[in-house]
Amino acid sequence: MASNPKSLLPLLLIVVALITGNGVLAIRHLLEAELPKIPELPKPEIPTLPKPEIPSFPKPEIPSLPKPEVPSLPKPEIPSFPKPEIPSFPKPEIPSFPKPEVPSLPKPEIPSLPNHEIPSLPKPEIPTFPKPEIPTLPKPEIPSFPKPEIPTLSKPEIPAIPKPELPTIPHVPNTPLH
């Protein structure tokens, strides 16, 4: 379903173009047909009615009530408790231990390894190859074709169709309403 009604316009034009000549004639008659004029009827008069009177009532009086007295309550007393005594403990003494002596070990001797000589190998020779030759190809020729001629068509003539006459619609005579 199309979301935009303007996108339906080309489709509508294509459908109308494909309709046979009788359909086009019927559409033309529908578009050119005039609607019959409807006579305007007289408007009935509405009588004016007198405005109703609203009686005025006396304003009600609200009696004033005495202000209630809130009794004052005595403030509650919080009893005081004696502060608990925390006994003090003597600080523990940490005994001092003699520092342990670490025995000294003799330094190990690392034996020296004999020096090995790496034999020198001869450098390999890389053979040189001749540079390859790339053959040149001839440039392809694109054949030229003659420009096609588009034939021009003559504009079709639409024959004039006489406008059909519609039968007259009888009018209702204006009679006064009772």
C-alpha atoms as a PDB file:
ATOM      1  CA  MET A   1       0.000   0.000   0.000  1.00  0.00           C
ATOM      2  CA  ALA A   2       1.371   3.408  -0.930  1.00  0.00           C
ATOM      3  CA  SER A   3       2.089   5.717   1.971  1.00  0.00           C
ATOM      4  CA  ASN A   4       1.956   8.862  -0.140  1.00  0.00           C
ATOM      5  CA  PRO A   5      -1.189   9.614  -2.205  1.00  0.00           C
ATOM      6  CA  LYS A   6       0.911  11.604  -4.728  1.00  0.00           C
ATOM      7  CA  SER A   7       2.672   8.387  -5.742  1.00  0.00           C
ATOM      8  CA  LEU A   8      -0.671   7.004  -7.000  1.00  0.00           C
ATOM      9  CA  LEU A   9      -1.113   9.812  -9.560  1.00  0.00           C
ATOM     10  CA  PRO A  10       1.104   8.250 -12.300  1.00  0.00           C
ATOM     11  CA  LEU A  11      -0.638   4.890 -11.828  1.00  0.00           C
ATOM     12  CA  LEU A  12      -4.044   6.566 -12.150  1.00  0.00           C
ATOM     13  CA  LEU A  13      -2.972   8.351 -15.347  1.00  0.00           C
ATOM     14  CA  ILE A  14      -1.741   5.065 -16.877  1.00  0.00           C
ATOM     15  CA  VAL A  15      -5.038   3.304 -16.020  1.00  0.00           C
ATOM     16  CA  VAL A  16      -7.080   6.144 -17.524  1.00  0.00           C
ATOM     17  CA  ALA A  17      -4.926   6.056 -20.677  1.00  0.00           C
ATOM     18  CA  LEU A  18      -5.535   2.301 -21.088  1.00  0.00           C
ATOM     19  CA  ILE A  19      -9.346   2.546 -20.788  1.00  0.00           C
ATOM     20  CA  THR A  20     -11.264   2.129 -24.060  1.00  0.00           C
ATOM     21  CA  GLY A  21     -12.858   5.096 -25.837  1.00  0.00           C
ATOM     22  CA  ASN A  22     -16.310   4.419 -24.305  1.00  0.00           C
ATOM     23  CA  GLY A  23     -14.872   4.633 -20.783  1.00  0.00           C
ATOM     24  CA  VAL A  24     -13.101   7.903 -21.598  1.00  0.00           C
ATOM     25  CA  LEU A  25     -16.376   9.293 -22.980  1.00  0.00           C
ATOM     26  CA  ALA A  26     -18.242   8.249 -19.816  1.00  0.00           C
ATOM     27  CA  ILE A  27     -15.615   9.914 -17.623  1.00  0.00           C
ATOM     28  CA  ARG A  28     -15.804  13.076 -19.719  1.00  0.00           C
ATOM     29  CA  HIS A  29     -19.619  13.143 -19.325  1.00  0.00           C
ATOM     30  CA  LEU A  30     -19.303  12.694 -15.577  1.00  0.00           C
ATOM     31  CA  LEU A  31     -16.793  15.534 -15.328  1.00  0.00           C
ATOM     32  CA  GLU A  32     -18.787  17.918 -17.559  1.00  0.00           C
ATOM     33  CA  ALA A  33     -22.250  17.132 -16.082  1.00  0.00           C
ATOM     34  CA  GLU A  34     -23.846  19.977 -14.134  1.00  0.00           C
ATOM     35  CA  LEU A  35     -25.747  19.244 -10.955  1.00  0.00           C
ATOM     36  CA  PRO A  36     -29.338  20.553 -10.759  1.00  0.00           C
ATOM     37  CA  LYS A  37     -29.820  23.634  -8.588  1.00  0.00           C
ATOM     38  CA  ILE A  38     -31.813  23.027  -5.410  1.00  0.00           C
ATOM     39  CA  PRO A  39     -34.147  25.907  -4.485  1.00  0.00           C
ATOM     40  CA  GLU A  40     -33.498  27.450  -1.094  1.00  0.00           C
ATOM     41  CA  LEU A  41     -36.345  26.854   1.337  1.00  0.00           C
ATOM     42  CA  PRO A  42     -37.616  29.683   3.581  1.00  0.00           C
ATOM     43  CA  LYS A  43     -36.208  29.595   7.100  1.00  0.00           C
ATOM     44  CA  PRO A  44     -38.788  29.165   9.874  1.00  0.00           C
ATOM     45  CA  GLU A  45     -38.898  31.931  12.480  1.00  0.00           C
ATOM     46  CA  ILE A  46     -38.241  30.930  16.073  1.00  0.00           C
ATOM     47  CA  PRO A  47     -40.369  32.940  18.548  1.00  0.00           C
ATOM     48  CA  THR A  48     -38.479  34.739  21.282  1.00  0.00           C
ATOM     49  CA  LEU A  49     -39.315  33.482  24.768  1.00  0.00           C
ATOM     50  CA  PRO A  50     -39.172  35.656  27.912  1.00  0.00           C
ATOM     51  CA  LYS A  51     -36.136  35.164  30.138  1.00  0.00           C
ATOM     52  CA  PRO A  52     -36.885  33.117  33.261  1.00  0.00           C
ATOM     53  CA  GLU A  53     -36.379  34.963  36.537  1.00  0.00           C
ATOM     54  CA  ILE A  54     -34.305  33.276  39.204  1.00  0.00           C
ATOM     55  CA  PRO A  55     -35.461  34.156  42.736  1.00  0.00           C
ATOM     56  CA  SER A  56     -32.766  35.463  45.079  1.00  0.00           C
ATOM     57  CA  PHE A  57     -32.294  33.560  48.312  1.00  0.00           C
ATOM     58  CA  PRO A  58     -30.779  35.001  51.509  1.00  0.00           C
ATOM     59  CA  LYS A  59     -27.135  34.179  52.100  1.00  0.00           C
ATOM     60  CA  PRO A  60     -26.799  31.307  54.612  1.00  0.00           C
ATOM     61  CA  GLU A  61     -24.978  32.137  57.817  1.00  0.00           C
ATOM     62  CA  ILE A  62     -22.389  29.695  59.086  1.00  0.00           C
ATOM     63  CA  PRO A  63     -22.252  29.633  62.904  1.00  0.00           C
ATOM     64  CA  SER A  64     -18.823  30.174  64.407  1.00  0.00           C
ATOM     65  CA  LEU A  65     -17.563  27.275  66.488  1.00  0.00           C
ATOM     66  CA  PRO A  66     -15.434  27.778  69.610  1.00  0.00           C
ATOM     67  CA  LYS A  67     -11.742  27.005  69.178  1.00  0.00           C
ATOM     68  CA  PRO A  68     -10.864  23.677  70.863  1.00  0.00           C
ATOM     69  CA  GLU A  69      -8.269  23.833  73.610  1.00  0.00           C
ATOM     70  CA  VAL A  70      -5.440  21.332  73.405  1.00  0.00           C
ATOM     71  CA  PRO A  71      -4.186  20.364  76.889  1.00  0.00           C
ATOM     72  CA  SER A  72      -0.438  20.652  77.380  1.00  0.00           C
ATOM     73  CA  LEU A  73       1.237  17.389  78.342  1.00  0.00           C
ATOM     74  CA  PRO A  74       4.198  17.271  80.740  1.00  0.00           C
ATOM     75  CA  LYS A  75       7.566  16.604  79.141  1.00  0.00           C
ATOM     76  CA  PRO A  76       8.699  13.009  79.768  1.00  0.00           C
ATOM     77  CA  GLU A  77      11.826  12.627  81.884  1.00  0.00           C
ATOM     78  CA  ILE A  78      14.568  10.338  80.644  1.00  0.00           C
ATOM     79  CA  PRO A  79      16.291   8.561  83.551  1.00  0.00           C
ATOM     80  CA  SER A  80      20.079   8.895  83.676  1.00  0.00           C
ATOM     81  CA  PHE A  81      22.092   5.707  83.929  1.00  0.00           C
ATOM     82  CA  PRO A  82      25.538   5.504  85.630  1.00  0.00           C
ATOM     83  CA  LYS A  83      28.480   5.366  83.244  1.00  0.00           C
ATOM     84  CA  PRO A  84      30.013   1.837  83.166  1.00  0.00           C
ATOM     85  CA  GLU A  85      33.642   1.553  84.190  1.00  0.00           C
ATOM     86  CA  ILE A  86      35.950  -0.207  81.769  1.00  0.00           C
ATOM     87  CA  PRO A  87      38.798  -1.996  83.580  1.00  0.00           C
ATOM     88  CA  SER A  88      42.295  -1.276  82.285  1.00  0.00           C
ATOM     89  CA  PHE A  89      44.485  -4.240  81.395  1.00  0.00           C
ATOM     90  CA  PRO A  90      48.295  -4.198  81.675  1.00  0.00           C
ATOM     91  CA  LYS A  91      50.165  -3.947  78.387  1.00  0.00           C
ATOM     92  CA  PRO A  92      51.697  -7.337  77.467  1.00  0.00           C
ATOM     93  CA  GLU A  93      55.461  -7.452  77.165  1.00  0.00           C
ATOM     94  CA  ILE A  94      56.932  -9.085  74.104  1.00  0.00           C
ATOM     95  CA  PRO A  95      60.084 -11.052  74.958  1.00  0.00           C
ATOM     96  CA  SER A  96      63.126 -10.220  72.843  1.00  0.00           C
ATOM     97  CA  PHE A  97      64.673 -13.146  71.008  1.00  0.00           C
ATOM     98  CA  PRO A  98      68.315 -13.241  69.882  1.00  0.00           C
ATOM     99  CA  LYS A  99      68.830 -12.640  66.196  1.00  0.00           C
ATOM    100  CA  PRO A 100      69.546 -15.922  64.420  1.00  0.00           C
ATOM    101  CA  GLU A 101      72.865 -16.181  62.655  1.00  0.00           C
ATOM    102  CA  VAL A 102      72.824 -17.384  59.094  1.00  0.00           C
ATOM    103  CA  PRO A 103      75.816 -19.613  58.353  1.00  0.00           C
ATOM    104  CA  SER A 104      77.927 -18.424  55.466  1.00  0.00           C
ATOM    105  CA  LEU A 105      78.191 -20.859  52.584  1.00  0.00           C
ATOM    106  CA  PRO A 106      81.200 -21.080  50.318  1.00  0.00           C
ATOM    107  CA  LYS A 107      80.747 -19.411  46.954  1.00  0.00           C
ATOM    108  CA  PRO A 108      80.225 -22.040  44.241  1.00  0.00           C
ATOM    109  CA  GLU A 109      82.666 -22.017  41.414  1.00  0.00           C
ATOM    110  CA  ILE A 110      81.187 -21.907  37.917  1.00  0.00           C
ATOM    111  CA  PRO A 111      83.255 -23.977  35.518  1.00  0.00           C
ATOM    112  CA  SER A 112      84.257 -22.179  32.360  1.00  0.00           C
ATOM    113  CA  LEU A 113      83.128 -23.758  29.105  1.00  0.00           C
ATOM    114  CA  PRO A 114      85.493 -24.025  26.186  1.00  0.00           C
ATOM    115  CA  ASN A 115      84.932 -21.510  23.403  1.00  0.00           C
ATOM    116  CA  HIS A 116      83.615 -23.142  20.266  1.00  0.00           C
ATOM    117  CA  GLU A 117      84.354 -21.547  16.982  1.00  0.00           C
ATOM    118  CA  ILE A 118      81.520 -21.298  14.483  1.00  0.00           C
ATOM    119  CA  PRO A 119      82.716 -22.476  11.115  1.00  0.00           C
ATOM    120  CA  SER A 120      82.298 -19.897   8.351  1.00  0.00           C
ATOM    121  CA  LEU A 121      80.267 -21.175   5.421  1.00  0.00           C
ATOM    122  CA  PRO A 122      80.748 -19.871   1.908  1.00  0.00           C
ATOM    123  CA  LYS A 123      78.147 -17.320   0.792  1.00  0.00           C
ATOM    124  CA  PRO A 124      75.679 -18.897  -1.674  1.00  0.00           C
ATOM    125  CA  GLU A 125      75.604 -17.394  -5.113  1.00  0.00           C
ATOM    126  CA  ILE A 126      72.216 -16.429  -6.539  1.00  0.00           C
ATOM    127  CA  PRO A 127      72.094 -16.948 -10.302  1.00  0.00           C
ATOM    128  CA  THR A 128      70.935 -13.945 -12.363  1.00  0.00           C
ATOM    129  CA  PHE A 129      68.096 -14.521 -14.780  1.00  0.00           C
ATOM    130  CA  PRO A 130      67.543 -12.488 -17.950  1.00  0.00           C
ATOM    131  CA  LYS A 131      64.817  -9.819 -17.754  1.00  0.00           C
ATOM    132  CA  PRO A 132      61.590 -11.120 -19.334  1.00  0.00           C
ATOM    133  CA  GLU A 133      60.293  -9.286 -22.358  1.00  0.00           C
ATOM    134  CA  ILE A 134      56.597  -8.417 -22.449  1.00  0.00           C
ATOM    135  CA  PRO A 135      55.210  -8.602 -25.985  1.00  0.00           C
ATOM    136  CA  THR A 136      53.243  -5.543 -27.154  1.00  0.00           C
ATOM    137  CA  LEU A 137      49.779  -6.298 -28.493  1.00  0.00           C
ATOM    138  CA  PRO A 138      48.137  -4.235 -31.229  1.00  0.00           C
ATOM    139  CA  LYS A 139      45.467  -1.773 -30.033  1.00  0.00           C
ATOM    140  CA  PRO A 140      41.968  -3.151 -30.727  1.00  0.00           C
ATOM    141  CA  GLU A 141      39.812  -1.103 -33.067  1.00  0.00           C
ATOM    142  CA  ILE A 142      36.231  -0.393 -32.050  1.00  0.00           C
ATOM    143  CA  PRO A 143      33.934  -0.398 -35.073  1.00  0.00           C
ATOM    144  CA  SER A 144      31.688   2.665 -35.442  1.00  0.00           C
ATOM    145  CA  PHE A 145      28.009   1.989 -35.983  1.00  0.00           C
ATOM    146  CA  PRO A 146      25.662   4.459 -37.741  1.00  0.00           C
ATOM    147  CA  LYS A 147      23.279   6.344 -35.455  1.00  0.00           C
ATOM    148  CA  PRO A 148      19.781   4.809 -35.660  1.00  0.00           C
ATOM    149  CA  GLU A 149      17.022   7.046 -36.950  1.00  0.00           C
ATOM    150  CA  ILE A 150      13.871   7.233 -34.845  1.00  0.00           C
ATOM    151  CA  PRO A 151      10.755   7.649 -36.972  1.00  0.00           C
ATOM    152  CA  THR A 152       8.416  10.474 -35.956  1.00  0.00           C
ATOM    153  CA  LEU A 153       4.729   9.616 -35.656  1.00  0.00           C
ATOM    154  CA  SER A 154       1.975  12.007 -36.583  1.00  0.00           C
ATOM    155  CA  LYS A 155      -0.239  13.296 -33.774  1.00  0.00           C
ATOM    156  CA  PRO A 156      -3.520  11.321 -33.623  1.00  0.00           C
ATOM    157  CA  GLU A 157      -6.702  13.288 -34.152  1.00  0.00           C
ATOM    158  CA  ILE A 158      -9.447  12.931 -31.531  1.00  0.00           C
ATOM    159  CA  PRO A 159     -12.889  13.203 -33.141  1.00  0.00           C
ATOM    160  CA  ALA A 160     -15.302  15.711 -31.593  1.00  0.00           C
ATOM    161  CA  ILE A 161     -18.137  13.875 -29.857  1.00  0.00           C
ATOM    162  CA  PRO A 162     -21.493  15.695 -29.524  1.00  0.00           C
ATOM    163  CA  LYS A 163     -22.588  16.352 -25.966  1.00  0.00           C
ATOM    164  CA  PRO A 164     -25.643  14.233 -25.055  1.00  0.00           C
ATOM    165  CA  GLU A 165     -28.653  16.013 -23.662  1.00  0.00           C
ATOM    166  CA  LEU A 166     -29.933  14.892 -20.291  1.00  0.00           C
ATOM    167  CA  PRO A 167     -33.694  14.740 -19.628  1.00  0.00           C
ATOM    168  CA  THR A 168     -35.115  17.650 -17.652  1.00  0.00           C
ATOM    169  CA  ILE A 169     -35.779  17.024 -13.948  1.00  0.00           C
ATOM    170  CA  PRO A 170     -39.245  18.049 -12.757  1.00  0.00           C
ATOM    171  CA  HIS A 171     -39.233  20.693 -10.002  1.00  0.00           C
ATOM    172  CA  VAL A 172     -41.296  20.441  -6.825  1.00  0.00           C
ATOM    173  CA  PRO A 173     -43.622  23.472  -6.501  1.00  0.00           C
ATOM    174  CA  ASN A 174     -43.039  25.729  -3.496  1.00  0.00           C
ATOM    175  CA  THR A 175     -45.923  25.209  -1.051  1.00  0.00           C
ATOM    176  CA  PRO A 176     -46.049  26.862   2.366  1.00  0.00           C
ATOM    177  CA  LEU A 177     -45.622  24.500   5.332  1.00  0.00           C
ATOM    178  CA  HIS A 178     -48.518  24.232   7.820  1.00  0.00           C
END
